[in-house]
Amino acid sequence: MKFYAVRKGRRPGVYTTWPSCEEQVKGFPGAVYKAFPTKAQALSFMGESHPDATTGLPPTGTLPTTGTIHVWVDGSCLPSSTGRLNFGWAYVIFDGGGELHRASGHDVPAEARRHRNVAGEIQAVLQALEWCRARGIAAAEVHFDYQGLASWVDGTWKARTSFTQAYAERVRALGMTLTWHKVQAHSGEPYNELVDQLAREAARSAPGNHKI
């Protein structure tokens, strides 16, 4: 018997059949999962390399907050001298008391790379909202600079690719109350500049470049 650990998917958890695992990860942007011979190993995988390991914050559970939650997101796509692309994403989360958490990365699914910067921005939204939801945060204001991030979710834009469809589906499934605020990119807004810088740094740190 195998145990399938879904660390990032529609519904993270440990599953005992491949079809039930596949249902959570197929078509999900940036899905992370792995099969193990024992449940203990699967549970260990669920907790390893947690992005909050050095923040002093609990990995899950209700997080005390002050005032409104503000989430700033951005993505990056940088061409290399070889004609390939590096991707990055980043987010920073604040409440009335200051910064709660920040994270960045360069894990962008192959099917998403055609979206260039937007692929990273989608990853940033998903990562940030998953972090919030895991800590009992049910409402947030999301600050972004690409209209599709909001419009795919609220249905004013039709999601035409599997990646954007899965994105919209996942954000809705989280059940959070979201207020979307579009900002002008590279306009000098400090927090937008911050996540832009973090996303660029993540793209530059990618271990390898990607073909489109």
N, C-alpha and C. Protein backbone atom coordinates (compact mmCIF):
# COMPACT_ATOMS: atom_id res chain seq x y z
N MET A 1 0.84 -1.20 0.00
CA MET A 1 0.00 0.00 0.00
C MET A 1 0.87 1.24 0.00
N LYS A 2 0.46 2.23 -0.78
CA LYS A 2 1.20 3.49 -0.83
C LYS A 2 0.38 4.61 -0.19
N PHE A 3 1.11 5.63 0.27
CA PHE A 3 0.48 6.82 0.83
C PHE A 3 0.92 8.01 -0.02
N TYR A 4 -0.05 8.74 -0.54
CA TYR A 4 0.21 9.86 -1.44
C TYR A 4 0.04 11.18 -0.68
N ALA A 5 1.15 11.88 -0.49
CA ALA A 5 1.12 13.15 0.23
C ALA A 5 0.96 14.29 -0.77
N VAL A 6 -0.09 15.06 -0.61
CA VAL A 6 -0.33 16.24 -1.46
C VAL A 6 -0.03 17.47 -0.60
N ARG A 7 1.15 18.03 -0.82
CA ARG A 7 1.53 19.20 -0.03
C ARG A 7 0.95 20.48 -0.61
N LYS A 8 0.76 20.50 -1.93
CA LYS A 8 0.14 21.65 -2.58
C LYS A 8 -0.80 21.12 -3.65
N GLY A 9 -2.08 21.37 -3.50
CA GLY A 9 -3.08 20.89 -4.44
C GLY A 9 -4.43 21.44 -4.06
N ARG A 10 -5.49 20.92 -4.68
CA ARG A 10 -6.82 21.45 -4.39
C ARG A 10 -7.19 21.25 -2.92
N ARG A 11 -6.83 20.08 -2.38
CA ARG A 11 -7.08 19.81 -0.97
C ARG A 11 -5.89 19.04 -0.40
N PRO A 12 -4.91 19.76 0.18
CA PRO A 12 -3.72 19.09 0.70
C PRO A 12 -4.08 18.02 1.74
N GLY A 13 -3.28 16.96 1.76
CA GLY A 13 -3.52 15.88 2.71
C GLY A 13 -2.82 14.61 2.26
N VAL A 14 -3.06 13.52 2.98
CA VAL A 14 -2.47 12.23 2.65
C VAL A 14 -3.58 11.31 2.15
N TYR A 15 -3.36 10.72 0.97
CA TYR A 15 -4.36 9.86 0.34
C TYR A 15 -3.79 8.46 0.16
N THR A 16 -4.70 7.48 0.11
CA THR A 16 -4.25 6.09 0.03
C THR A 16 -4.45 5.47 -1.34
N THR A 17 -5.00 6.21 -2.29
CA THR A 17 -5.12 5.72 -3.67
C THR A 17 -4.65 6.79 -4.63
N TRP A 18 -4.09 6.35 -5.78
CA TRP A 18 -3.64 7.30 -6.77
C TRP A 18 -4.79 8.12 -7.36
N PRO A 19 -5.95 7.53 -7.68
CA PRO A 19 -7.04 8.35 -8.24
C PRO A 19 -7.46 9.49 -7.32
N SER A 20 -7.50 9.24 -6.01
CA SER A 20 -7.90 10.31 -5.09
C SER A 20 -6.82 11.39 -5.02
N CYS A 21 -5.57 10.97 -5.12
CA CYS A 21 -4.47 11.95 -5.16
C CYS A 21 -4.51 12.74 -6.47
N GLU A 22 -4.68 12.04 -7.56
CA GLU A 22 -4.69 12.68 -8.88
C GLU A 22 -5.77 13.74 -8.98
N GLU A 23 -6.90 13.50 -8.35
CA GLU A 23 -8.01 14.45 -8.36
C GLU A 23 -7.60 15.79 -7.74
N GLN A 24 -6.67 15.74 -6.78
CA GLN A 24 -6.24 16.96 -6.09
C GLN A 24 -5.15 17.71 -6.85
N VAL A 25 -4.40 17.02 -7.71
CA VAL A 25 -3.21 17.64 -8.30
C VAL A 25 -3.29 17.85 -9.81
N LYS A 26 -4.12 17.09 -10.51
CA LYS A 26 -4.17 17.19 -11.96
C LYS A 26 -4.68 18.56 -12.39
N GLY A 27 -3.86 19.29 -13.16
CA GLY A 27 -4.23 20.62 -13.63
C GLY A 27 -4.10 21.71 -12.59
N PHE A 28 -3.62 21.38 -11.40
CA PHE A 28 -3.47 22.39 -10.35
C PHE A 28 -2.11 23.09 -10.50
N PRO A 29 -2.09 24.43 -10.60
CA PRO A 29 -0.82 25.13 -10.80
C PRO A 29 0.16 24.89 -9.66
N GLY A 30 1.36 24.42 -10.01
CA GLY A 30 2.42 24.24 -9.02
C GLY A 30 2.17 23.14 -8.01
N ALA A 31 1.40 22.11 -8.38
CA ALA A 31 1.10 21.02 -7.45
C ALA A 31 2.38 20.35 -6.95
N VAL A 32 2.39 20.00 -5.66
CA VAL A 32 3.53 19.32 -5.05
C VAL A 32 3.00 18.07 -4.36
N TYR A 33 3.46 16.89 -4.77
CA TYR A 33 2.96 15.64 -4.19
C TYR A 33 4.00 14.54 -4.38
N LYS A 34 3.87 13.47 -3.58
CA LYS A 34 4.84 12.39 -3.65
C LYS A 34 4.26 11.14 -2.98
N ALA A 35 4.63 9.97 -3.47
CA ALA A 35 4.16 8.70 -2.91
C ALA A 35 5.20 8.15 -1.93
N PHE A 36 4.72 7.52 -0.84
CA PHE A 36 5.60 6.96 0.19
C PHE A 36 5.09 5.58 0.61
N PRO A 37 5.98 4.71 1.08
CA PRO A 37 5.55 3.38 1.53
C PRO A 37 4.89 3.39 2.90
N THR A 38 5.13 4.46 3.71
CA THR A 38 4.53 4.52 5.04
C THR A 38 3.83 5.86 5.25
N LYS A 39 2.82 5.84 6.11
CA LYS A 39 2.09 7.08 6.41
C LYS A 39 2.98 8.08 7.14
N ALA A 40 3.87 7.57 7.99
CA ALA A 40 4.76 8.45 8.74
C ALA A 40 5.64 9.26 7.78
N GLN A 41 6.15 8.62 6.74
CA GLN A 41 6.98 9.34 5.77
C GLN A 41 6.15 10.37 5.01
N ALA A 42 4.92 10.02 4.69
CA ALA A 42 4.05 10.96 3.99
C ALA A 42 3.76 12.17 4.84
N LEU A 43 3.49 11.95 6.13
CA LEU A 43 3.21 13.06 7.03
C LEU A 43 4.44 13.93 7.21
N SER A 44 5.60 13.30 7.24
CA SER A 44 6.85 14.06 7.35
C SER A 44 7.04 14.95 6.13
N PHE A 45 6.75 14.42 4.96
CA PHE A 45 6.85 15.20 3.72
C PHE A 45 5.91 16.39 3.75
N MET A 46 4.75 16.25 4.34
CA MET A 46 3.79 17.34 4.41
C MET A 46 4.33 18.52 5.21
N GLY A 47 5.25 18.23 6.13
CA GLY A 47 5.75 19.31 6.98
C GLY A 47 7.15 19.76 6.66
N GLU A 48 7.84 19.10 5.73
CA GLU A 48 9.24 19.43 5.48
C GLU A 48 9.37 20.73 4.69
N SER A 49 10.49 21.41 4.90
CA SER A 49 10.82 22.63 4.16
C SER A 49 9.67 23.62 4.15
N HIS A 50 9.00 23.73 5.31
CA HIS A 50 7.86 24.65 5.37
C HIS A 50 8.37 26.08 5.26
N PRO A 51 7.76 26.95 4.44
CA PRO A 51 8.26 28.30 4.25
C PRO A 51 8.25 29.13 5.52
N ASP A 52 7.51 28.71 6.56
CA ASP A 52 7.46 29.48 7.79
C ASP A 52 8.48 29.00 8.83
N ALA A 53 9.37 28.10 8.43
CA ALA A 53 10.25 27.47 9.40
C ALA A 53 11.11 28.46 10.15
N THR A 54 11.47 29.58 9.55
CA THR A 54 12.36 30.53 10.21
C THR A 54 11.66 31.81 10.62
N THR A 55 10.32 31.85 10.54
CA THR A 55 9.62 33.10 10.85
C THR A 55 9.19 33.19 12.30
N GLY A 56 9.17 32.05 13.02
CA GLY A 56 8.67 32.06 14.36
C GLY A 56 7.16 31.95 14.42
N LEU A 57 6.48 31.88 13.28
CA LEU A 57 5.04 31.74 13.23
C LEU A 57 4.67 30.27 13.17
N PRO A 58 3.51 29.89 13.73
CA PRO A 58 3.08 28.50 13.62
C PRO A 58 2.80 28.15 12.18
N PRO A 59 3.12 26.91 11.73
CA PRO A 59 2.89 26.54 10.33
C PRO A 59 1.42 26.54 9.97
N THR A 60 0.54 26.20 10.90
CA THR A 60 -0.89 26.23 10.66
C THR A 60 -1.59 26.62 11.94
N GLY A 61 -2.90 26.80 11.86
CA GLY A 61 -3.68 27.19 13.04
C GLY A 61 -4.02 28.66 12.98
N THR A 62 -4.95 29.07 13.83
CA THR A 62 -5.41 30.46 13.81
C THR A 62 -4.29 31.40 14.23
N LEU A 63 -4.09 32.43 13.44
CA LEU A 63 -3.05 33.41 13.70
C LEU A 63 -3.69 34.72 14.17
N PRO A 64 -3.36 35.20 15.36
CA PRO A 64 -3.92 36.48 15.80
C PRO A 64 -3.47 37.62 14.88
N THR A 65 -4.41 38.44 14.44
CA THR A 65 -4.08 39.56 13.56
C THR A 65 -4.73 40.83 14.07
N THR A 66 -4.24 41.95 13.56
CA THR A 66 -4.76 43.25 13.95
C THR A 66 -5.23 44.00 12.72
N GLY A 67 -6.52 44.29 12.63
CA GLY A 67 -7.03 45.08 11.52
C GLY A 67 -7.11 44.29 10.23
N THR A 68 -7.17 45.02 9.11
CA THR A 68 -7.34 44.43 7.79
C THR A 68 -6.05 43.76 7.31
N ILE A 69 -6.21 42.62 6.64
CA ILE A 69 -5.08 41.92 6.04
C ILE A 69 -4.87 42.45 4.63
N HIS A 70 -3.65 42.85 4.32
CA HIS A 70 -3.29 43.33 2.99
C HIS A 70 -2.24 42.40 2.39
N VAL A 71 -2.51 41.93 1.19
CA VAL A 71 -1.61 41.02 0.48
C VAL A 71 -1.11 41.71 -0.78
N TRP A 72 0.21 41.82 -0.91
CA TRP A 72 0.83 42.41 -2.11
C TRP A 72 1.53 41.30 -2.87
N VAL A 73 1.27 41.24 -4.18
CA VAL A 73 1.82 40.14 -5.00
C VAL A 73 2.46 40.68 -6.27
N ASP A 74 3.42 39.90 -6.79
CA ASP A 74 3.98 40.21 -8.11
C ASP A 74 4.70 38.98 -8.65
N GLY A 75 4.95 39.02 -9.95
CA GLY A 75 5.68 37.95 -10.61
C GLY A 75 6.71 38.52 -11.55
N SER A 76 7.63 37.68 -11.97
CA SER A 76 8.71 38.13 -12.84
C SER A 76 9.04 37.07 -13.87
N CYS A 77 9.43 37.51 -15.04
CA CYS A 77 9.89 36.62 -16.11
C CYS A 77 11.07 37.31 -16.78
N LEU A 78 12.27 36.79 -16.57
CA LEU A 78 13.48 37.44 -17.05
C LEU A 78 14.16 36.61 -18.13
N PRO A 79 14.39 37.18 -19.30
CA PRO A 79 15.11 36.44 -20.35
C PRO A 79 16.59 36.33 -20.01
N SER A 80 17.17 35.23 -20.42
CA SER A 80 18.60 35.04 -20.21
C SER A 80 19.34 35.24 -21.52
N SER A 81 20.65 35.23 -21.44
CA SER A 81 21.47 35.42 -22.64
C SER A 81 21.34 34.26 -23.62
N THR A 82 20.80 33.13 -23.15
CA THR A 82 20.63 31.97 -24.01
C THR A 82 19.26 31.94 -24.68
N GLY A 83 18.44 32.95 -24.40
CA GLY A 83 17.10 32.99 -24.98
C GLY A 83 16.07 32.23 -24.19
N ARG A 84 16.45 31.72 -23.03
CA ARG A 84 15.51 31.03 -22.17
C ARG A 84 14.98 32.00 -21.11
N LEU A 85 14.07 31.49 -20.28
CA LEU A 85 13.38 32.36 -19.33
C LEU A 85 13.55 31.89 -17.90
N ASN A 86 13.67 32.84 -17.00
CA ASN A 86 13.65 32.57 -15.56
C ASN A 86 12.37 33.17 -14.99
N PHE A 87 11.69 32.42 -14.13
CA PHE A 87 10.44 32.88 -13.53
C PHE A 87 10.60 33.08 -12.03
N GLY A 88 9.83 34.03 -11.50
CA GLY A 88 9.82 34.25 -10.05
C GLY A 88 8.48 34.78 -9.60
N TRP A 89 8.17 34.56 -8.33
CA TRP A 89 6.96 35.10 -7.72
C TRP A 89 7.28 35.55 -6.30
N ALA A 90 6.46 36.45 -5.77
CA ALA A 90 6.69 36.93 -4.41
C ALA A 90 5.41 37.53 -3.85
N TYR A 91 5.29 37.45 -2.54
CA TYR A 91 4.19 38.15 -1.86
C TYR A 91 4.65 38.62 -0.49
N VAL A 92 3.99 39.66 0.00
CA VAL A 92 4.20 40.16 1.36
C VAL A 92 2.81 40.40 1.95
N ILE A 93 2.63 40.00 3.21
CA ILE A 93 1.34 40.12 3.89
C ILE A 93 1.50 41.02 5.11
N PHE A 94 0.59 41.98 5.23
CA PHE A 94 0.58 42.93 6.34
C PHE A 94 -0.77 42.90 7.04
N ASP A 95 -0.75 43.27 8.33
CA ASP A 95 -1.99 43.67 8.99
C ASP A 95 -1.73 45.03 9.64
N GLY A 96 -2.64 45.47 10.51
CA GLY A 96 -2.48 46.80 11.10
C GLY A 96 -1.26 46.94 11.98
N GLY A 97 -0.69 45.82 12.38
CA GLY A 97 0.49 45.87 13.24
C GLY A 97 1.81 45.77 12.50
N GLY A 98 1.76 45.60 11.17
CA GLY A 98 2.99 45.52 10.39
C GLY A 98 3.04 44.25 9.55
N GLU A 99 4.25 43.89 9.13
CA GLU A 99 4.41 42.73 8.26
C GLU A 99 4.20 41.43 9.02
N LEU A 100 3.37 40.55 8.44
CA LEU A 100 3.13 39.23 9.02
C LEU A 100 4.03 38.17 8.41
N HIS A 101 4.22 38.25 7.09
CA HIS A 101 4.93 37.17 6.41
C HIS A 101 5.29 37.62 4.99
N ARG A 102 6.38 37.06 4.50
CA ARG A 102 6.74 37.24 3.09
C ARG A 102 7.34 35.94 2.58
N ALA A 103 7.19 35.72 1.27
CA ALA A 103 7.76 34.52 0.66
C ALA A 103 7.97 34.78 -0.82
N SER A 104 8.86 34.01 -1.41
CA SER A 104 9.12 34.11 -2.85
C SER A 104 9.61 32.76 -3.33
N GLY A 105 9.57 32.56 -4.64
CA GLY A 105 10.03 31.31 -5.21
C GLY A 105 10.11 31.38 -6.72
N HIS A 106 10.51 30.28 -7.34
CA HIS A 106 10.64 30.25 -8.80
C HIS A 106 9.99 29.00 -9.38
N ASP A 107 9.09 28.38 -8.63
CA ASP A 107 8.40 27.17 -9.10
C ASP A 107 7.16 27.57 -9.90
N VAL A 108 7.27 27.49 -11.21
CA VAL A 108 6.17 27.81 -12.12
C VAL A 108 5.95 26.60 -13.03
N PRO A 109 4.74 26.06 -13.10
CA PRO A 109 4.48 24.88 -13.93
C PRO A 109 4.80 25.11 -15.40
N ALA A 110 5.20 24.07 -16.10
CA ALA A 110 5.57 24.18 -17.51
C ALA A 110 4.42 24.74 -18.34
N GLU A 111 3.17 24.31 -18.03
CA GLU A 111 2.05 24.76 -18.84
C GLU A 111 1.71 26.23 -18.62
N ALA A 112 2.33 26.85 -17.60
CA ALA A 112 2.03 28.24 -17.29
C ALA A 112 3.01 29.22 -17.92
N ARG A 113 4.11 28.73 -18.45
CA ARG A 113 5.20 29.62 -18.85
C ARG A 113 4.82 30.53 -20.01
N ARG A 114 3.83 30.15 -20.79
CA ARG A 114 3.39 31.00 -21.90
C ARG A 114 2.82 32.32 -21.39
N HIS A 115 2.44 32.35 -20.10
CA HIS A 115 1.86 33.56 -19.52
C HIS A 115 2.91 34.55 -19.04
N ARG A 116 4.18 34.18 -19.15
CA ARG A 116 5.29 35.06 -18.75
C ARG A 116 5.10 35.59 -17.32
N ASN A 117 5.17 36.93 -17.13
CA ASN A 117 5.09 37.50 -15.77
C ASN A 117 3.84 37.04 -15.03
N VAL A 118 2.75 36.92 -15.77
CA VAL A 118 1.47 36.58 -15.13
C VAL A 118 1.54 35.21 -14.45
N ALA A 119 2.33 34.29 -14.99
CA ALA A 119 2.48 32.98 -14.36
C ALA A 119 2.99 33.13 -12.94
N GLY A 120 3.99 33.99 -12.76
CA GLY A 120 4.52 34.24 -11.43
C GLY A 120 3.52 34.94 -10.53
N GLU A 121 2.76 35.87 -11.10
CA GLU A 121 1.77 36.60 -10.30
C GLU A 121 0.68 35.66 -9.79
N ILE A 122 0.25 34.73 -10.65
CA ILE A 122 -0.74 33.74 -10.23
C ILE A 122 -0.20 32.89 -9.09
N GLN A 123 1.04 32.46 -9.23
CA GLN A 123 1.65 31.66 -8.17
C GLN A 123 1.68 32.44 -6.86
N ALA A 124 1.99 33.73 -6.95
CA ALA A 124 2.07 34.55 -5.74
C ALA A 124 0.71 34.64 -5.06
N VAL A 125 -0.35 34.86 -5.84
CA VAL A 125 -1.69 34.93 -5.25
C VAL A 125 -2.05 33.62 -4.56
N LEU A 126 -1.84 32.50 -5.27
CA LEU A 126 -2.19 31.21 -4.70
C LEU A 126 -1.41 30.91 -3.42
N GLN A 127 -0.12 31.16 -3.46
CA GLN A 127 0.71 30.89 -2.29
C GLN A 127 0.28 31.75 -1.11
N ALA A 128 0.03 33.04 -1.37
CA ALA A 128 -0.34 33.96 -0.29
C ALA A 128 -1.69 33.59 0.32
N LEU A 129 -2.68 33.31 -0.52
CA LEU A 129 -4.00 33.00 0.00
C LEU A 129 -4.03 31.65 0.71
N GLU A 130 -3.25 30.69 0.23
CA GLU A 130 -3.15 29.41 0.94
C GLU A 130 -2.56 29.63 2.33
N TRP A 131 -1.55 30.48 2.40
CA TRP A 131 -0.92 30.79 3.70
C TRP A 131 -1.95 31.41 4.63
N CYS A 132 -2.71 32.36 4.13
CA CYS A 132 -3.73 33.02 4.95
C CYS A 132 -4.79 32.03 5.43
N ARG A 133 -5.29 31.24 4.49
CA ARG A 133 -6.40 30.34 4.82
C ARG A 133 -5.98 29.31 5.85
N ALA A 134 -4.73 28.85 5.76
CA ALA A 134 -4.25 27.85 6.72
C ALA A 134 -4.14 28.40 8.13
N ARG A 135 -4.20 29.73 8.26
CA ARG A 135 -4.09 30.37 9.57
C ARG A 135 -5.39 31.04 10.01
N GLY A 136 -6.47 30.60 9.40
CA GLY A 136 -7.77 31.10 9.83
C GLY A 136 -8.12 32.49 9.35
N ILE A 137 -7.36 33.01 8.40
CA ILE A 137 -7.65 34.34 7.86
C ILE A 137 -8.67 34.17 6.74
N ALA A 138 -9.85 34.74 6.92
CA ALA A 138 -10.95 34.51 5.99
C ALA A 138 -11.20 35.68 5.04
N ALA A 139 -10.53 36.80 5.25
CA ALA A 139 -10.75 37.97 4.39
C ALA A 139 -9.42 38.70 4.20
N ALA A 140 -9.23 39.25 3.01
CA ALA A 140 -7.99 39.98 2.72
C ALA A 140 -8.21 40.94 1.58
N GLU A 141 -7.38 41.96 1.53
CA GLU A 141 -7.34 42.89 0.41
C GLU A 141 -6.08 42.59 -0.38
N VAL A 142 -6.27 42.29 -1.67
CA VAL A 142 -5.16 41.85 -2.52
C VAL A 142 -4.77 42.99 -3.46
N HIS A 143 -3.50 43.35 -3.42
CA HIS A 143 -2.97 44.44 -4.25
C HIS A 143 -2.12 43.83 -5.36
N PHE A 144 -2.43 44.17 -6.60
CA PHE A 144 -1.84 43.49 -7.75
C PHE A 144 -1.72 44.48 -8.90
N ASP A 145 -0.97 44.12 -9.96
CA ASP A 145 -0.83 45.04 -11.08
C ASP A 145 -1.23 44.44 -12.43
N TYR A 146 -1.86 43.23 -12.41
CA TYR A 146 -2.38 42.66 -13.65
C TYR A 146 -3.85 42.33 -13.46
N GLN A 147 -4.71 42.93 -14.28
CA GLN A 147 -6.14 42.87 -14.05
C GLN A 147 -6.71 41.45 -14.04
N GLY A 148 -6.13 40.56 -14.83
CA GLY A 148 -6.65 39.21 -14.91
C GLY A 148 -6.69 38.48 -13.59
N LEU A 149 -5.80 38.82 -12.66
CA LEU A 149 -5.78 38.14 -11.37
C LEU A 149 -7.12 38.25 -10.66
N ALA A 150 -7.76 39.41 -10.77
CA ALA A 150 -9.08 39.60 -10.19
C ALA A 150 -10.19 39.18 -11.15
N SER A 151 -10.04 39.54 -12.42
CA SER A 151 -11.13 39.35 -13.37
C SER A 151 -11.38 37.88 -13.71
N TRP A 152 -10.35 37.04 -13.69
CA TRP A 152 -10.59 35.60 -13.89
C TRP A 152 -11.38 35.03 -12.72
N VAL A 153 -11.11 35.52 -11.53
CA VAL A 153 -11.79 35.00 -10.35
C VAL A 153 -13.24 35.44 -10.29
N ASP A 154 -13.51 36.72 -10.58
CA ASP A 154 -14.90 37.19 -10.47
C ASP A 154 -15.70 36.94 -11.75
N GLY A 155 -15.05 36.40 -12.79
CA GLY A 155 -15.76 36.00 -14.00
C GLY A 155 -15.93 37.08 -15.04
N THR A 156 -15.40 38.28 -14.81
CA THR A 156 -15.53 39.33 -15.82
C THR A 156 -14.59 39.09 -17.01
N TRP A 157 -13.55 38.28 -16.80
CA TRP A 157 -12.72 37.78 -17.89
C TRP A 157 -12.90 36.27 -17.94
N LYS A 158 -12.96 35.72 -19.12
CA LYS A 158 -13.05 34.28 -19.26
C LYS A 158 -11.66 33.67 -19.22
N ALA A 159 -11.47 32.71 -18.32
CA ALA A 159 -10.19 32.00 -18.25
C ALA A 159 -10.12 31.01 -19.39
N ARG A 160 -9.18 31.17 -20.30
CA ARG A 160 -9.15 30.39 -21.53
C ARG A 160 -8.08 29.29 -21.56
N THR A 161 -7.23 29.23 -20.56
CA THR A 161 -6.22 28.17 -20.51
C THR A 161 -6.44 27.33 -19.26
N SER A 162 -5.89 26.13 -19.27
CA SER A 162 -6.07 25.25 -18.11
C SER A 162 -5.46 25.86 -16.85
N PHE A 163 -4.37 26.60 -17.03
CA PHE A 163 -3.70 27.20 -15.88
C PHE A 163 -4.55 28.30 -15.26
N THR A 164 -5.10 29.21 -16.08
CA THR A 164 -5.92 30.28 -15.52
C THR A 164 -7.25 29.75 -15.01
N GLN A 165 -7.77 28.70 -15.63
CA GLN A 165 -9.01 28.09 -15.14
C GLN A 165 -8.80 27.47 -13.76
N ALA A 166 -7.67 26.74 -13.61
CA ALA A 166 -7.37 26.12 -12.32
C ALA A 166 -7.13 27.19 -11.26
N TYR A 167 -6.50 28.28 -11.66
CA TYR A 167 -6.26 29.39 -10.73
C TYR A 167 -7.58 29.95 -10.21
N ALA A 168 -8.48 30.30 -11.12
CA ALA A 168 -9.76 30.88 -10.71
C ALA A 168 -10.55 29.91 -9.83
N GLU A 169 -10.53 28.64 -10.22
CA GLU A 169 -11.24 27.62 -9.45
C GLU A 169 -10.69 27.51 -8.04
N ARG A 170 -9.38 27.52 -7.92
CA ARG A 170 -8.77 27.36 -6.60
C ARG A 170 -9.05 28.56 -5.71
N VAL A 171 -8.93 29.77 -6.23
CA VAL A 171 -9.18 30.96 -5.41
C VAL A 171 -10.63 30.96 -4.92
N ARG A 172 -11.57 30.63 -5.79
CA ARG A 172 -12.97 30.58 -5.37
C ARG A 172 -13.18 29.51 -4.31
N ALA A 173 -12.52 28.36 -4.49
CA ALA A 173 -12.70 27.24 -3.56
C ALA A 173 -12.19 27.56 -2.15
N LEU A 174 -11.28 28.49 -2.04
CA LEU A 174 -10.77 28.86 -0.71
C LEU A 174 -11.84 29.49 0.15
N GLY A 175 -12.86 30.07 -0.48
CA GLY A 175 -13.98 30.63 0.26
C GLY A 175 -13.67 31.90 1.04
N MET A 176 -12.63 32.60 0.64
CA MET A 176 -12.26 33.83 1.33
C MET A 176 -13.03 35.03 0.78
N THR A 177 -13.20 36.03 1.61
CA THR A 177 -13.77 37.31 1.16
C THR A 177 -12.60 38.18 0.72
N LEU A 178 -12.53 38.44 -0.59
CA LEU A 178 -11.38 39.16 -1.14
C LEU A 178 -11.82 40.49 -1.75
N THR A 179 -11.03 41.52 -1.48
CA THR A 179 -11.19 42.82 -2.12
C THR A 179 -9.95 43.05 -2.95
N TRP A 180 -10.15 43.30 -4.24
CA TRP A 180 -9.02 43.41 -5.17
C TRP A 180 -8.70 44.87 -5.45
N HIS A 181 -7.43 45.22 -5.40
CA HIS A 181 -6.99 46.59 -5.67
C HIS A 181 -5.89 46.57 -6.74
N LYS A 182 -6.20 47.10 -7.90
CA LYS A 182 -5.19 47.17 -8.96
C LYS A 182 -4.32 48.41 -8.76
N VAL A 183 -3.02 48.21 -8.85
CA VAL A 183 -2.07 49.32 -8.74
C VAL A 183 -1.28 49.42 -10.04
N GLN A 184 -0.76 50.58 -10.31
CA GLN A 184 0.04 50.79 -11.51
C GLN A 184 1.44 50.24 -11.28
N ALA A 185 1.88 49.35 -12.15
CA ALA A 185 3.21 48.75 -12.00
C ALA A 185 4.29 49.81 -12.16
N HIS A 186 5.34 49.67 -11.38
CA HIS A 186 6.53 50.53 -11.48
C HIS A 186 6.18 52.02 -11.36
N SER A 187 5.24 52.30 -10.46
CA SER A 187 4.81 53.69 -10.27
C SER A 187 5.40 54.30 -9.01
N GLY A 188 6.24 53.53 -8.31
CA GLY A 188 6.85 54.05 -7.10
C GLY A 188 6.12 53.66 -5.83
N GLU A 189 5.01 52.92 -5.94
CA GLU A 189 4.31 52.44 -4.74
C GLU A 189 5.26 51.49 -4.00
N PRO A 190 5.60 51.80 -2.74
CA PRO A 190 6.67 51.06 -2.04
C PRO A 190 6.44 49.55 -1.96
N TYR A 191 5.23 49.12 -1.62
CA TYR A 191 5.01 47.69 -1.45
C TYR A 191 4.98 46.97 -2.79
N ASN A 192 4.48 47.64 -3.82
CA ASN A 192 4.52 47.04 -5.16
C ASN A 192 5.96 46.91 -5.63
N GLU A 193 6.76 47.90 -5.34
CA GLU A 193 8.19 47.83 -5.70
C GLU A 193 8.89 46.73 -4.92
N LEU A 194 8.47 46.54 -3.67
CA LEU A 194 9.09 45.51 -2.84
C LEU A 194 8.84 44.12 -3.42
N VAL A 195 7.57 43.79 -3.71
CA VAL A 195 7.30 42.45 -4.23
C VAL A 195 7.87 42.26 -5.63
N ASP A 196 7.94 43.35 -6.41
CA ASP A 196 8.58 43.27 -7.72
C ASP A 196 10.06 42.89 -7.55
N GLN A 197 10.72 43.53 -6.61
CA GLN A 197 12.13 43.23 -6.36
C GLN A 197 12.32 41.79 -5.88
N LEU A 198 11.46 41.34 -4.97
CA LEU A 198 11.57 39.98 -4.45
C LEU A 198 11.33 38.95 -5.56
N ALA A 199 10.37 39.23 -6.43
CA ALA A 199 10.09 38.29 -7.53
C ALA A 199 11.26 38.24 -8.51
N ARG A 200 11.87 39.38 -8.78
CA ARG A 200 13.03 39.41 -9.67
C ARG A 200 14.20 38.64 -9.06
N GLU A 201 14.41 38.83 -7.78
CA GLU A 201 15.49 38.11 -7.11
C GLU A 201 15.25 36.61 -7.15
N ALA A 202 13.99 36.20 -6.99
CA ALA A 202 13.66 34.77 -7.06
C ALA A 202 13.93 34.22 -8.45
N ALA A 203 13.57 35.00 -9.47
CA ALA A 203 13.81 34.55 -10.85
C ALA A 203 15.30 34.40 -11.12
N ARG A 204 16.09 35.35 -10.63
CA ARG A 204 17.54 35.28 -10.85
C ARG A 204 18.18 34.12 -10.12
N SER A 205 17.54 33.67 -9.03
CA SER A 205 18.11 32.59 -8.23
C SER A 205 17.68 31.21 -8.69
N ALA A 206 16.85 31.15 -9.73
CA ALA A 206 16.36 29.86 -10.24
C ALA A 206 17.55 28.97 -10.61
N PRO A 207 17.50 27.69 -10.26
CA PRO A 207 18.64 26.80 -10.54
C PRO A 207 18.88 26.55 -12.01
N GLY A 208 17.89 26.75 -12.85
CA GLY A 208 18.06 26.55 -14.28
C GLY A 208 17.08 27.40 -15.05
N ASN A 209 17.36 27.67 -16.29
CA ASN A 209 16.45 28.44 -17.13
C ASN A 209 15.44 27.50 -17.78
N HIS A 210 14.37 28.06 -18.29
CA HIS A 210 13.29 27.27 -18.86
C HIS A 210 13.01 27.68 -20.30
N LYS A 211 12.82 26.68 -21.15
CA LYS A 211 12.29 26.97 -22.46
C LYS A 211 10.81 27.26 -22.37
N ILE A 212 10.31 28.05 -23.30
CA ILE A 212 8.87 28.33 -23.33
C ILE A 212 8.15 27.08 -23.82
